[in-house]
Protein backbone atom coordinates (compact mmCIF):
# COMPACT_ATOMS: atom_id res chain seq x y z
CA MET A 1 -51.98 8.41 -34.98
CA ASN A 2 -53.02 5.34 -36.94
CA THR A 3 -55.31 3.64 -34.41
CA GLN A 4 -55.35 0.29 -36.25
CA LEU A 5 -51.55 0.03 -36.25
CA ARG A 6 -51.38 1.09 -32.60
CA ARG A 7 -53.91 -1.59 -31.66
CA ASP A 8 -51.86 -4.16 -33.54
CA ALA A 9 -48.68 -2.96 -31.80
CA ASP A 10 -50.29 -3.20 -28.37
CA GLN A 11 -51.50 -6.73 -29.10
CA ILE A 12 -48.06 -7.84 -30.31
CA ILE A 13 -46.45 -6.31 -27.22
CA ALA A 14 -48.84 -8.06 -24.82
CA ALA A 15 -48.45 -11.46 -26.49
CA SER A 16 -44.67 -11.18 -26.67
CA LEU A 17 -44.28 -10.31 -23.01
CA LYS A 18 -46.69 -13.02 -21.89
CA ALA A 19 -44.60 -15.64 -23.70
CA VAL A 20 -41.39 -14.76 -21.84
CA MET A 21 -42.66 -14.40 -18.30
CA PRO A 22 -40.37 -16.45 -16.04
CA ASP A 23 -42.99 -18.37 -14.03
CA GLU A 24 -43.24 -21.44 -16.21
CA ALA A 25 -39.57 -21.27 -17.14
CA VAL A 26 -38.50 -21.31 -13.47
CA HIS A 27 -40.92 -24.13 -12.72
CA ASN A 28 -39.44 -26.21 -15.53
CA ALA A 29 -35.85 -25.48 -14.47
CA LEU A 30 -36.58 -26.55 -10.92
CA LYS A 31 -37.66 -30.01 -12.07
CA ASP A 32 -33.92 -30.73 -12.03
CA PHE A 33 -33.38 -29.13 -8.61
CA LYS A 34 -32.43 -31.68 -5.95
CA PRO A 35 -31.39 -30.17 -2.60
CA SER A 36 -28.52 -31.94 -0.86
CA GLY A 37 -30.36 -32.50 2.40
CA GLY A 38 -29.28 -29.38 4.26
CA LYS A 39 -30.59 -25.83 4.09
CA THR A 40 -31.87 -24.25 0.88
CA ILE A 41 -31.11 -20.51 0.72
CA MET A 42 -32.51 -18.52 -2.20
CA VAL A 43 -30.72 -15.49 -3.63
CA ALA A 44 -32.60 -13.79 -6.48
CA VAL A 45 -30.92 -10.93 -8.34
CA GLY A 46 -31.98 -8.77 -11.29
CA LYS A 47 -34.93 -6.94 -12.77
CA ALA A 48 -36.97 -10.17 -12.87
CA ALA A 49 -35.80 -11.31 -9.42
CA TRP A 50 -39.10 -10.93 -7.58
CA GLN A 51 -41.11 -12.77 -10.23
CA MET A 52 -38.53 -15.56 -10.40
CA ALA A 53 -38.43 -15.84 -6.62
CA LYS A 54 -42.21 -15.99 -6.38
CA ALA A 55 -42.29 -18.79 -8.95
CA ALA A 56 -39.54 -20.67 -7.12
CA VAL A 57 -41.24 -20.45 -3.71
CA GLU A 58 -44.52 -21.61 -5.23
CA THR A 59 -42.78 -24.52 -6.96
CA LEU A 60 -40.71 -25.65 -3.98
CA GLY A 61 -43.27 -24.92 -1.28
CA ARG A 62 -40.74 -23.11 0.90
CA VAL A 63 -37.10 -22.10 1.30
CA ASP A 64 -35.09 -21.84 4.52
CA GLY A 65 -34.31 -18.20 3.91
CA GLY A 66 -33.65 -15.87 1.04
CA ILE A 67 -33.21 -12.44 -0.44
CA VAL A 68 -34.57 -10.67 -3.52
CA ILE A 69 -32.51 -7.81 -4.96
CA THR A 70 -34.28 -5.95 -7.75
CA LYS A 71 -34.86 -2.52 -9.28
CA TYR A 72 -36.91 0.18 -7.58
CA GLY A 73 -40.62 -0.39 -8.13
CA HIS A 74 -40.21 -4.08 -9.04
CA VAL A 75 -41.15 -5.73 -5.72
CA LYS A 76 -44.81 -6.72 -5.94
CA GLY A 77 -45.45 -8.20 -2.52
CA VAL A 78 -44.20 -10.20 0.46
CA LEU A 79 -42.61 -13.63 -0.03
CA PRO A 80 -42.38 -16.06 2.94
CA ARG A 81 -38.93 -16.29 4.58
CA VAL A 82 -37.53 -13.87 1.98
CA VAL A 83 -36.20 -10.32 2.46
CA CYS A 84 -36.86 -8.03 -0.52
CA PHE A 85 -34.52 -5.17 -1.47
CA GLU A 86 -34.91 -2.55 -4.18
CA ALA A 87 -31.73 -0.93 -5.44
CA GLY A 88 -30.18 1.31 -8.10
CA HIS A 89 -30.08 0.58 -11.82
CA PRO A 90 -28.26 1.18 -14.17
CA VAL A 91 -25.87 2.73 -11.64
CA PRO A 92 -25.46 0.89 -8.31
CA ASP A 93 -26.33 2.71 -5.09
CA GLU A 94 -26.08 2.16 -1.33
CA ASN A 95 -28.96 -0.34 -1.41
CA SER A 96 -27.07 -2.38 -4.01
CA PHE A 97 -24.08 -2.60 -1.69
CA MET A 98 -26.12 -3.27 1.46
CA ALA A 99 -28.21 -6.00 -0.20
CA ALA A 100 -25.12 -7.75 -1.61
CA LYS A 101 -23.53 -7.71 1.83
CA MET A 102 -26.67 -9.29 3.31
CA ALA A 103 -26.64 -11.99 0.61
CA ILE A 104 -23.00 -12.79 1.39
CA ASP A 105 -23.82 -13.03 5.09
CA MET A 106 -26.60 -15.52 4.27
CA VAL A 107 -24.29 -17.90 2.39
CA ASP A 108 -21.02 -17.33 4.22
CA SER A 109 -21.46 -20.07 6.85
CA LEU A 110 -23.19 -22.70 4.69
CA ARG A 111 -21.90 -26.27 4.70
CA GLU A 112 -21.33 -28.89 2.05
CA ASN A 113 -24.83 -30.35 2.28
CA ASP A 114 -26.49 -26.93 1.93
CA THR A 115 -27.71 -25.46 -1.37
CA VAL A 116 -27.92 -21.92 -2.72
CA LEU A 117 -30.72 -21.48 -5.24
CA PHE A 118 -29.40 -18.57 -7.28
CA LEU A 119 -31.99 -16.91 -9.54
CA LEU A 120 -30.36 -14.47 -11.94
CA SER A 121 -31.73 -12.01 -14.49
CA GLY A 122 -30.50 -8.95 -16.34
CA GLY A 123 -29.76 -5.80 -14.38
CA GLY A 124 -27.84 -7.72 -11.73
CA SER A 125 -24.58 -5.96 -12.55
CA ALA A 126 -25.85 -2.78 -10.90
CA LEU A 127 -28.26 -4.29 -8.40
CA PHE A 128 -25.87 -6.86 -6.88
CA GLU A 129 -22.59 -5.22 -6.02
CA LEU A 130 -19.87 -5.43 -3.39
CA PRO A 131 -17.29 -2.94 -4.68
CA LEU A 132 -13.55 -3.38 -4.18
CA ILE A 133 -13.08 0.34 -4.75
CA PRO A 134 -14.91 3.27 -3.12
CA PRO A 135 -18.58 3.18 -4.20
CA GLY A 136 -18.36 6.66 -5.65
CA ASP A 137 -15.51 5.56 -7.93
CA LEU A 138 -17.51 2.54 -9.11
CA GLN A 139 -20.57 4.68 -9.83
CA ASN A 140 -18.40 7.12 -11.77
CA ILE A 141 -16.85 4.36 -13.91
CA THR A 142 -20.31 2.87 -14.61
CA GLY A 143 -21.59 6.30 -15.62
CA GLN A 144 -18.64 6.84 -17.97
CA LEU A 145 -19.21 3.48 -19.67
CA LEU A 146 -22.94 4.19 -20.12
CA SER A 147 -22.52 7.69 -21.50
CA ARG A 148 -19.77 6.71 -23.95
CA GLY A 149 -21.78 3.94 -25.57
CA ALA A 150 -20.04 0.84 -24.21
CA ASP A 151 -22.03 -2.33 -24.89
CA ILE A 152 -23.06 -4.69 -22.10
CA VAL A 153 -20.15 -7.10 -22.65
CA GLU A 154 -17.58 -4.30 -22.48
CA MET A 155 -19.20 -2.88 -19.36
CA ASN A 156 -19.23 -6.21 -17.57
CA THR A 157 -15.63 -7.02 -18.55
CA VAL A 158 -14.58 -3.99 -16.53
CA ARG A 159 -17.11 -4.10 -13.70
CA LYS A 160 -16.57 -7.74 -12.71
CA ARG A 161 -12.92 -7.01 -11.85
CA LEU A 162 -13.92 -4.20 -9.51
CA SER A 163 -16.41 -6.34 -7.59
CA GLY A 164 -16.34 -8.88 -4.79
CA VAL A 165 -19.35 -10.81 -6.19
CA LYS A 166 -19.06 -10.67 -9.97
CA GLY A 167 -17.01 -12.86 -12.32
CA GLY A 168 -17.67 -16.06 -10.36
CA ARG A 169 -16.71 -14.59 -6.99
CA PHE A 170 -20.19 -15.01 -5.46
CA ALA A 171 -20.12 -18.77 -6.14
CA GLN A 172 -16.68 -18.92 -4.52
CA LYS A 173 -18.13 -17.32 -1.39
CA CYS A 174 -20.95 -19.90 -1.34
CA ALA A 175 -18.49 -22.83 -1.22
CA PRO A 176 -18.51 -25.51 0.05
CA ALA A 177 -22.28 -25.25 -0.49
CA ARG A 178 -23.63 -26.23 -3.90
CA VAL A 179 -25.08 -23.50 -6.14
CA PHE A 180 -28.03 -24.28 -8.43
CA SER A 181 -28.28 -21.30 -10.78
CA VAL A 182 -31.36 -20.47 -12.87
CA VAL A 183 -30.64 -17.76 -15.42
CA LEU A 184 -32.98 -15.56 -17.44
CA SER A 185 -30.70 -14.25 -20.20
CA ASP A 186 -30.66 -10.61 -21.28
CA ILE A 187 -27.52 -10.80 -23.46
CA VAL A 188 -27.37 -11.88 -27.08
CA GLY A 189 -25.92 -15.39 -27.34
CA ASP A 190 -26.54 -16.18 -23.64
CA PRO A 191 -22.92 -15.91 -22.39
CA LEU A 192 -23.24 -17.01 -18.75
CA ASP A 193 -20.20 -15.09 -17.58
CA MET A 194 -21.63 -11.82 -18.92
CA ILE A 195 -25.25 -12.03 -17.74
CA ALA A 196 -25.29 -9.72 -14.69
CA SER A 197 -21.48 -10.03 -14.86
CA GLY A 198 -21.60 -13.76 -14.06
CA PRO A 199 -21.65 -13.96 -10.24
CA ALA A 200 -21.82 -17.77 -10.40
CA SER A 201 -20.04 -18.45 -13.66
CA PRO A 202 -16.36 -18.96 -14.53
CA ASP A 203 -15.13 -15.83 -16.27
CA THR A 204 -13.96 -16.08 -19.88
CA SER A 205 -12.89 -12.44 -20.21
CA THR A 206 -9.30 -11.42 -19.56
CA CYS A 207 -7.39 -8.61 -17.93
CA ALA A 208 -6.12 -7.59 -21.36
CA GLN A 209 -9.70 -7.20 -22.62
CA ALA A 210 -10.57 -5.04 -19.62
CA ALA A 211 -7.56 -2.80 -20.30
CA ALA A 212 -8.62 -2.52 -23.94
CA VAL A 213 -12.07 -1.24 -22.89
CA VAL A 214 -10.46 1.40 -20.68
CA LYS A 215 -8.31 2.55 -23.59
CA LYS A 216 -11.11 2.43 -26.16
CA TYR A 217 -13.39 4.75 -24.19
CA GLY A 218 -10.71 6.84 -22.53
CA LEU A 219 -12.00 6.04 -19.06
CA ASP A 220 -10.76 8.20 -16.19
CA ILE A 221 -10.12 5.67 -13.40
CA SER A 222 -8.02 5.52 -10.24
CA SER A 223 -4.74 3.69 -9.80
CA ARG A 224 -6.49 1.24 -7.43
CA ALA A 225 -9.07 0.41 -10.11
CA MET A 226 -6.27 -0.16 -12.63
CA GLU A 227 -4.57 -2.55 -10.20
CA LEU A 228 -7.79 -4.56 -9.86
CA LEU A 229 -8.23 -4.75 -13.64
CA ASN A 230 -4.96 -6.69 -13.66
CA VAL A 231 -6.21 -9.31 -11.16
CA GLU A 232 -7.70 -12.34 -12.92
CA THR A 233 -11.15 -13.65 -12.02
CA PRO A 234 -12.05 -17.34 -11.33
CA LYS A 235 -11.71 -19.50 -14.44
CA GLU A 236 -13.14 -22.69 -12.90
CA LEU A 237 -15.99 -23.36 -10.43
CA ASN A 238 -16.76 -26.87 -9.24
CA ASN A 239 -19.81 -26.16 -7.05
CA VAL A 240 -22.19 -24.68 -9.66
CA GLU A 241 -24.95 -26.18 -11.83
CA THR A 242 -26.76 -23.84 -14.24
CA ARG A 243 -30.01 -23.76 -16.21
CA ILE A 244 -30.83 -21.04 -18.78
CA THR A 245 -34.60 -20.45 -18.78
CA GLY A 246 -35.26 -17.73 -21.35
CA SER A 247 -33.69 -15.46 -23.93
CA VAL A 248 -34.33 -12.85 -26.60
CA ARG A 249 -34.87 -15.64 -29.14
CA GLU A 250 -38.07 -16.59 -27.36
CA LEU A 251 -39.17 -12.94 -27.23
CA CYS A 252 -38.65 -12.56 -30.98
CA ALA A 253 -40.37 -15.86 -31.74
CA ALA A 254 -43.41 -14.75 -29.75
CA ALA A 255 -43.54 -11.43 -31.64
CA VAL A 256 -43.34 -13.28 -34.95
CA ARG A 257 -46.18 -15.62 -33.96
CA GLU A 258 -48.46 -12.76 -32.96
CA CYS A 259 -47.68 -10.75 -36.09
CA ARG A 260 -48.65 -13.76 -38.19
CA ALA A 261 -51.79 -14.31 -36.13
CA LEU A 262 -52.79 -10.72 -36.97
CA GLY A 263 -52.38 -11.40 -40.68
CA TYR A 264 -48.91 -10.02 -41.32
CA ARG A 265 -46.44 -11.84 -43.54
CA THR A 266 -43.52 -11.72 -41.11
CA VAL A 267 -39.73 -11.79 -41.39
CA LEU A 268 -37.41 -12.25 -38.43
CA LEU A 269 -34.50 -9.99 -39.34
CA THR A 270 -32.26 -10.91 -36.39
CA ASP A 271 -32.28 -11.79 -32.72
CA ARG A 272 -28.75 -10.38 -32.38
CA LEU A 273 -29.27 -6.69 -33.06
CA CYS A 274 -26.25 -4.76 -31.76
CA CYS A 275 -25.70 -1.23 -33.07
CA GLU A 276 -26.52 2.41 -32.36
CA ALA A 277 -30.21 2.83 -31.49
CA ARG A 278 -30.62 5.61 -34.06
CA GLU A 279 -29.11 3.43 -36.77
CA ALA A 280 -31.55 0.63 -35.93
CA GLY A 281 -34.52 2.98 -36.17
CA SER A 282 -33.36 4.41 -39.47
CA PHE A 283 -32.77 0.91 -40.83
CA LEU A 284 -36.26 -0.29 -39.90
CA ALA A 285 -37.76 2.79 -41.54
CA SER A 286 -35.75 2.15 -44.72
CA ILE A 287 -37.08 -1.42 -44.89
CA LEU A 288 -40.65 -0.13 -44.77
CA LYS A 289 -39.87 2.41 -47.50
CA THR A 290 -38.49 -0.38 -49.68
CA TYR A 291 -41.68 -2.44 -49.41
CA GLU A 292 -44.16 0.45 -49.58
CA GLY A 293 -46.77 -0.31 -52.22
CA GLU A 294 -46.00 -4.02 -52.40
CA GLY A 295 -49.48 -4.94 -51.17
CA GLY A 296 -50.44 -7.18 -48.26
CA ASN A 297 -49.55 -6.75 -44.63
CA LEU A 298 -45.85 -7.06 -43.76
CA ALA A 299 -43.98 -7.20 -40.45
CA PHE A 300 -40.26 -7.19 -39.70
CA VAL A 301 -38.95 -8.22 -36.27
CA ALA A 302 -35.53 -7.58 -34.72
CA GLY A 303 -34.33 -8.39 -31.22
CA GLY A 304 -31.18 -7.70 -29.25
CA GLU A 305 -29.74 -4.69 -27.49
CA THR A 306 -28.68 -1.40 -29.05
CA VAL A 307 -26.56 1.35 -27.50
CA VAL A 308 -26.92 5.10 -27.12
CA HIS A 309 -24.12 7.66 -27.05
CA VAL A 310 -25.43 10.34 -24.69
CA THR A 311 -24.63 13.78 -26.05
CA GLY A 312 -27.59 15.79 -24.78
CA HIS A 313 -29.42 16.55 -21.56
CA GLY A 314 -32.84 15.11 -22.31
CA LEU A 315 -34.61 11.99 -21.11
CA GLY A 316 -35.06 8.70 -22.92
CA GLY A 317 -33.77 5.21 -23.55
CA ARG A 318 -32.49 3.11 -26.43
CA ASN A 319 -35.92 1.81 -27.46
CA GLN A 320 -37.44 5.27 -27.46
CA GLU A 321 -34.52 6.46 -29.63
CA ILE A 322 -35.13 3.59 -32.07
CA ALA A 323 -38.74 4.66 -32.45
CA LEU A 324 -38.10 8.40 -32.72
CA SER A 325 -35.28 7.93 -35.22
CA ALA A 326 -37.68 5.93 -37.43
CA ALA A 327 -40.31 8.67 -37.40
CA ALA A 328 -38.67 10.86 -40.05
CA GLY A 329 -38.08 7.90 -42.37
CA ILE A 330 -41.73 6.83 -42.44
CA ARG A 331 -43.20 10.31 -42.48
CA GLY A 332 -46.31 10.43 -44.62
CA MET A 333 -46.60 6.64 -44.89
CA ASP A 334 -50.17 6.24 -43.69
CA ALA A 335 -49.91 2.48 -43.20
CA ALA A 336 -46.46 2.20 -41.58
CA ALA A 337 -45.39 1.97 -37.94
CA VAL A 338 -42.27 1.16 -35.93
CA PHE A 339 -42.19 0.31 -32.24
CA SER A 340 -39.53 -0.93 -29.86
CA LEU A 341 -39.54 -1.92 -26.20
CA GLY A 342 -37.49 -3.41 -23.41
CA SER A 343 -38.99 -6.64 -22.12
CA ASP A 344 -38.47 -5.59 -18.50
CA GLY A 345 -40.86 -2.66 -18.90
CA THR A 346 -38.29 0.08 -18.34
CA ASP A 347 -36.19 1.83 -20.96
CA GLY A 348 -33.32 3.92 -19.65
CA PRO A 349 -34.07 6.06 -16.58
CA THR A 350 -37.76 6.40 -17.51
CA ASP A 351 -41.13 4.84 -16.67
CA ALA A 352 -41.63 3.85 -20.32
CA ALA A 353 -40.81 0.46 -21.82
CA GLY A 354 -40.17 2.00 -25.24
CA GLY A 355 -41.77 3.97 -28.02
CA TYR A 356 -44.21 3.80 -30.94
CA VAL A 357 -44.26 5.94 -34.10
CA ASP A 358 -46.17 5.80 -37.36
CA GLY A 359 -46.41 7.84 -40.55
CA THR A 360 -48.19 10.69 -38.73
CA THR A 361 -45.73 11.12 -35.86
CA ALA A 362 -43.15 13.45 -37.43
CA GLY A 363 -45.84 15.82 -38.70
CA GLU A 364 -47.65 15.84 -35.35
CA LEU A 365 -44.41 16.68 -33.57
CA GLU A 366 -43.67 19.55 -35.93
CA ARG A 367 -47.16 20.99 -35.40
CA LEU A 368 -46.44 20.96 -31.67
CA GLY A 369 -43.14 22.77 -32.18
CA TRP A 370 -40.82 19.76 -31.91
CA ASP A 371 -37.81 19.20 -34.17
CA VAL A 372 -37.16 15.44 -34.39
CA SER A 373 -33.46 15.85 -35.18
CA ALA A 374 -32.98 18.27 -32.30
CA ALA A 375 -34.80 15.96 -29.89
CA LEU A 376 -32.51 13.09 -30.90
CA ARG A 377 -29.40 15.24 -30.49
CA ASP A 378 -30.58 16.13 -27.00
CA ASN A 379 -31.45 12.47 -26.25
CA ASP A 380 -34.96 13.63 -25.41
CA ALA A 381 -37.06 10.94 -27.06
CA TYR A 382 -39.15 10.48 -23.90
CA HIS A 383 -40.64 13.98 -23.94
CA ALA A 384 -41.02 14.05 -27.72
CA LEU A 385 -42.87 10.74 -27.87
CA GLY A 386 -44.89 11.63 -24.79
CA ALA A 387 -46.18 14.76 -26.54
CA VAL A 388 -47.86 12.65 -29.25
CA GLY A 389 -48.94 9.59 -27.26
CA GLY A 390 -46.02 7.53 -28.53
CA LEU A 391 -44.72 6.13 -25.25
CA ILE A 392 -45.20 2.43 -24.48
CA ILE A 393 -46.04 2.07 -20.80
CA THR A 394 -46.25 -1.44 -19.37
CA GLY A 395 -44.91 -0.99 -15.85
CA PRO A 396 -42.37 -3.51 -14.50
CA THR A 397 -43.14 -6.75 -16.31
CA GLY A 398 -41.37 -9.30 -14.13
CA THR A 399 -39.15 -10.53 -16.96
CA ASN A 400 -36.00 -9.31 -18.70
CA VAL A 401 -34.82 -10.88 -21.97
CA ASN A 402 -33.50 -7.94 -24.02
CA ASP A 403 -35.46 -5.78 -26.43
CA VAL A 404 -37.67 -6.33 -29.45
CA SER A 405 -38.34 -3.93 -32.32
CA VAL A 406 -41.09 -4.36 -34.90
CA ALA A 407 -41.82 -2.56 -38.18
CA LEU A 408 -45.37 -2.91 -39.54
CA LEU A 409 -46.74 -2.13 -42.99
CA ARG A 410 -50.40 -2.57 -43.83
CA GLY A 411 -51.06 -2.95 -47.53
CA GLY A 412 -54.82 -3.23 -47.43
CA ASP A 413 -57.18 -5.75 -45.86
């Protein structure tokens, strides 16, 4: 492993994540928060829910009650007057359903002068769920969408119609109380109705679009689910005010700044990356091959969210697949590296945020008996990268604004 490149990667990762932590963003958003004189109930949902809730309680001084619903391992302590739940992601589980029911009970009897402070971040689609079909059916449909490579917009177009809280339905249940929504965006372009399936946002997707997703991926769903896909979601909500506090653009900008601070001439390729993870990794490797020998230190940054078609039985995530798929392309390039990570600190069903490879990785794997192509076919990037120290482990970060991938090329100091 190239220790200089790995040190640079670790420094870029740390600086990028620090820049998109929600604390200051929530504080700034709440400058516009003016309770109506009644109760203030806080409902925080998503992978960054606990961190956002902590920042909100510190900013406001107190709330009259609240709930945090986040991913397993993401609760970092007790918050006053707030119940904390951990639940399933990316597939909802019984805790998802129980926590959503408790949130509904908290807001169900609120009056016009009460306020719901709704803190929303990515991952909420699975974590915050009140299914209108048997839970097992919903879990099965979610699993089908994930394994067949559906992107987040397609997934949410279907899931919000099968839910009692998605697609604006949670805000409807809060009425007549006012909802002040603070959103940490994890979807390219910040579409409010798609972030966590838009529990407090009017829905712009249509029944026809949901049916098209079912057809595209050949989903096996029940007749009851098909009936619900033909029921339109709320298109107008009069009790909601929203602030977006962060996005992948900020994550990419922070990575660019740190690359430049380390002496790399840096290009932001895109903050709207949306393709197969393996294609993204191969593309980043090809860019480094193009510029090999140019001289000087170069960095290329891309942010967004890729997809993985699961064909094997291994363990990994989209960011680990990006890294591993780049390994063959930069093999033998002593001064080249590619790394990719999810800003929330978890990539797929693993404890890794992503993966790192450099010009030595493919050779090291072969010496240990690994075949890179076979590992990718088996979707086993986690074990392959783990064998050569290529996993990026951050633990839950407290934020969630998509992914960032970086390709580095050192041309001499």
